[in-house]
């Protein structure tokens, strides 16, 4: 099992943690939501939860809820700018389809 980030995403995570002044890394999960069934949830984590799997990539710590791991295995998190928008972009090999707005996916 693996989850990784690009150098750009890692830089953004480090900057955000520095601005916060605390945190151990980025927590990534999958929630039931959206028109396609699942949506990504990300938040900065101040501590490791009991059910977190921990991955290190590009010098940052990624915490993944154990129940989300099968749907996220092999995912690479990037930081992208598209027009005036910028943010994290998930490249998930397990996603068989995404909704038109790009906010949710199907496995």
C-alpha atoms as a PDB file:
ATOM      1  CA  UNK A   1       0.000   0.000   0.000  1.00  0.00           C
ATOM      2  CA  UNK A   2       1.251   3.455  -0.795  1.00  0.00           C
ATOM      3  CA  UNK A   3       0.164   7.082  -0.942  1.00  0.00           C
ATOM      4  CA  UNK A   4       2.513   9.775  -2.214  1.00  0.00           C
ATOM      5  CA  UNK A   5       2.764  13.481  -2.951  1.00  0.00           C
ATOM      6  CA  UNK A   6       4.535  15.441  -5.645  1.00  0.00           C
ATOM      7  CA  UNK A   7       7.274  17.898  -4.687  1.00  0.00           C
ATOM      8  CA  UNK A   8       4.832  20.798  -5.306  1.00  0.00           C
ATOM      9  CA  UNK A   9       2.217  19.287  -2.988  1.00  0.00           C
ATOM     10  CA  UNK A  10       4.850  18.585  -0.329  1.00  0.00           C
ATOM     11  CA  UNK A  11       5.972  22.217  -0.468  1.00  0.00           C
ATOM     12  CA  UNK A  12       2.403  23.439   0.028  1.00  0.00           C
ATOM     13  CA  UNK A  13       1.879  21.051   2.962  1.00  0.00           C
ATOM     14  CA  UNK A  14       5.103  22.252   4.629  1.00  0.00           C
ATOM     15  CA  UNK A  15       4.123  25.916   4.136  1.00  0.00           C
ATOM     16  CA  UNK A  16       0.664  25.359   5.596  1.00  0.00           C
ATOM     17  CA  UNK A  17       2.016  23.479   8.621  1.00  0.00           C
ATOM     18  CA  UNK A  18       4.545  26.268   9.217  1.00  0.00           C
ATOM     19  CA  UNK A  19       1.766  28.903   9.060  1.00  0.00           C
ATOM     20  CA  UNK A  20      -0.313  26.865  11.509  1.00  0.00           C
ATOM     21  CA  UNK A  21       2.649  26.588  13.846  1.00  0.00           C
ATOM     22  CA  UNK A  22       1.791  22.977  14.666  1.00  0.00           C
ATOM     23  CA  UNK A  23       0.784  19.671  13.161  1.00  0.00           C
ATOM     24  CA  UNK A  24       2.295  16.322  12.306  1.00  0.00           C
ATOM     25  CA  UNK A  25       1.093  16.068   8.722  1.00  0.00           C
ATOM     26  CA  UNK A  26      -1.863  15.829   6.384  1.00  0.00           C
ATOM     27  CA  UNK A  27      -4.748  13.428   7.074  1.00  0.00           C
ATOM     28  CA  UNK A  28      -6.448  12.010   3.976  1.00  0.00           C
ATOM     29  CA  UNK A  29      -9.722  10.089   3.985  1.00  0.00           C
ATOM     30  CA  UNK A  30     -12.594   9.075   1.763  1.00  0.00           C
ATOM     31  CA  UNK A  31     -16.145   9.988   2.786  1.00  0.00           C
ATOM     32  CA  UNK A  32     -19.475   8.949   1.316  1.00  0.00           C
ATOM     33  CA  UNK A  33     -20.598  12.064  -0.506  1.00  0.00           C
ATOM     34  CA  UNK A  34     -21.209  13.747  -3.824  1.00  0.00           C
ATOM     35  CA  UNK A  35     -23.005  12.664  -6.939  1.00  0.00           C
ATOM     36  CA  UNK A  36     -20.523   9.859  -7.720  1.00  0.00           C
ATOM     37  CA  UNK A  37     -20.513   8.254  -4.275  1.00  0.00           C
ATOM     38  CA  UNK A  38     -17.224   9.237  -2.610  1.00  0.00           C
ATOM     39  CA  UNK A  39     -15.312  12.427  -1.932  1.00  0.00           C
ATOM     40  CA  UNK A  40     -11.826  13.111  -0.627  1.00  0.00           C
ATOM     41  CA  UNK A  41     -11.431  14.700   2.781  1.00  0.00           C
ATOM     42  CA  UNK A  42      -8.185  16.341   3.816  1.00  0.00           C
ATOM     43  CA  UNK A  43      -7.223  18.136   6.994  1.00  0.00           C
ATOM     44  CA  UNK A  44      -4.083  18.982   8.866  1.00  0.00           C
ATOM     45  CA  UNK A  45      -3.481  16.572  11.722  1.00  0.00           C
ATOM     46  CA  UNK A  46      -2.131  17.599  15.105  1.00  0.00           C
ATOM     47  CA  UNK A  47      -1.669  13.985  16.232  1.00  0.00           C
ATOM     48  CA  UNK A  48      -1.835  10.481  14.865  1.00  0.00           C
ATOM     49  CA  UNK A  49      -5.190   8.731  15.396  1.00  0.00           C
ATOM     50  CA  UNK A  50      -5.272   5.109  16.510  1.00  0.00           C
ATOM     51  CA  UNK A  51      -6.576   3.863  13.141  1.00  0.00           C
ATOM     52  CA  UNK A  52      -4.217   5.945  10.947  1.00  0.00           C
ATOM     53  CA  UNK A  53      -1.755   4.347   8.556  1.00  0.00           C
ATOM     54  CA  UNK A  54       1.322   6.562   8.202  1.00  0.00           C
ATOM     55  CA  UNK A  55       3.191   7.240   4.942  1.00  0.00           C
ATOM     56  CA  UNK A  56       6.212   9.453   4.351  1.00  0.00           C
ATOM     57  CA  UNK A  57       6.605  11.083   0.952  1.00  0.00           C
ATOM     58  CA  UNK A  58       8.813  13.957  -0.188  1.00  0.00           C
ATOM     59  CA  UNK A  59       9.603  14.768   3.456  1.00  0.00           C
ATOM     60  CA  UNK A  60       5.994  15.105   4.653  1.00  0.00           C
ATOM     61  CA  UNK A  61       3.818  12.788   6.712  1.00  0.00           C
ATOM     62  CA  UNK A  62       0.511  11.529   5.324  1.00  0.00           C
ATOM     63  CA  UNK A  63      -1.989   9.963   7.701  1.00  0.00           C
ATOM     64  CA  UNK A  64      -4.673   7.787   6.109  1.00  0.00           C
ATOM     65  CA  UNK A  65      -7.702   6.356   7.865  1.00  0.00           C
ATOM     66  CA  UNK A  66      -7.451   2.565   7.740  1.00  0.00           C
ATOM     67  CA  UNK A  67     -10.983   2.239   6.318  1.00  0.00           C
ATOM     68  CA  UNK A  68     -10.060   4.566   3.419  1.00  0.00           C
ATOM     69  CA  UNK A  69      -6.787   2.883   2.535  1.00  0.00           C
ATOM     70  CA  UNK A  70      -8.112   0.387  -0.044  1.00  0.00           C
ATOM     71  CA  UNK A  71      -9.743   3.204  -2.044  1.00  0.00           C
ATOM     72  CA  UNK A  72      -6.618   5.396  -1.846  1.00  0.00           C
ATOM     73  CA  UNK A  73      -3.879   2.830  -2.485  1.00  0.00           C
ATOM     74  CA  UNK A  74      -1.539   4.134  -5.171  1.00  0.00           C
ATOM     75  CA  UNK A  75      -2.921   7.683  -5.040  1.00  0.00           C
ATOM     76  CA  UNK A  76      -0.567  10.563  -5.756  1.00  0.00           C
ATOM     77  CA  UNK A  77      -1.493  13.990  -4.407  1.00  0.00           C
ATOM     78  CA  UNK A  78      -0.411  16.966  -6.487  1.00  0.00           C
ATOM     79  CA  UNK A  79      -0.737  20.740  -6.211  1.00  0.00           C
ATOM     80  CA  UNK A  80      -2.178  22.235  -9.378  1.00  0.00           C
ATOM     81  CA  UNK A  81      -3.179  25.631 -10.702  1.00  0.00           C
ATOM     82  CA  UNK A  82      -6.031  25.661 -13.214  1.00  0.00           C
ATOM     83  CA  UNK A  83      -6.988  29.150 -14.324  1.00  0.00           C
ATOM     84  CA  UNK A  84      -7.606  31.192 -11.187  1.00  0.00           C
ATOM     85  CA  UNK A  85      -8.046  28.106  -8.987  1.00  0.00           C
ATOM     86  CA  UNK A  86      -5.284  26.234  -7.233  1.00  0.00           C
ATOM     87  CA  UNK A  87      -5.341  23.361  -4.806  1.00  0.00           C
ATOM     88  CA  UNK A  88      -4.679  19.703  -4.193  1.00  0.00           C
ATOM     89  CA  UNK A  89      -5.449  17.321  -7.036  1.00  0.00           C
ATOM     90  CA  UNK A  90      -5.837  13.588  -6.476  1.00  0.00           C
ATOM     91  CA  UNK A  91      -4.505  11.120  -9.053  1.00  0.00           C
ATOM     92  CA  UNK A  92      -6.232   7.951  -7.867  1.00  0.00           C
ATOM     93  CA  UNK A  93      -5.774   4.779  -9.933  1.00  0.00           C
ATOM     94  CA  UNK A  94      -8.756   3.199  -8.132  1.00  0.00           C
ATOM     95  CA  UNK A  95     -11.268   5.820  -9.304  1.00  0.00           C
ATOM     96  CA  UNK A  96     -13.271   4.417 -12.205  1.00  0.00           C
ATOM     97  CA  UNK A  97     -15.207   7.658 -12.806  1.00  0.00           C
ATOM     98  CA  UNK A  98     -15.501  11.201 -11.496  1.00  0.00           C
ATOM     99  CA  UNK A  99     -18.462  13.553 -11.486  1.00  0.00           C
ATOM    100  CA  UNK A 100     -18.642  16.528 -13.828  1.00  0.00           C
ATOM    101  CA  UNK A 101     -17.592  19.005 -11.152  1.00  0.00           C
ATOM    102  CA  UNK A 102     -14.627  16.828 -10.162  1.00  0.00           C
ATOM    103  CA  UNK A 103     -15.528  16.818  -6.469  1.00  0.00           C
ATOM    104  CA  UNK A 104     -16.530  13.157  -6.149  1.00  0.00           C
ATOM    105  CA  UNK A 105     -15.562   9.794  -7.617  1.00  0.00           C
ATOM    106  CA  UNK A 106     -16.636   6.168  -8.037  1.00  0.00           C
ATOM    107  CA  UNK A 107     -14.522   3.104  -7.281  1.00  0.00           C
END
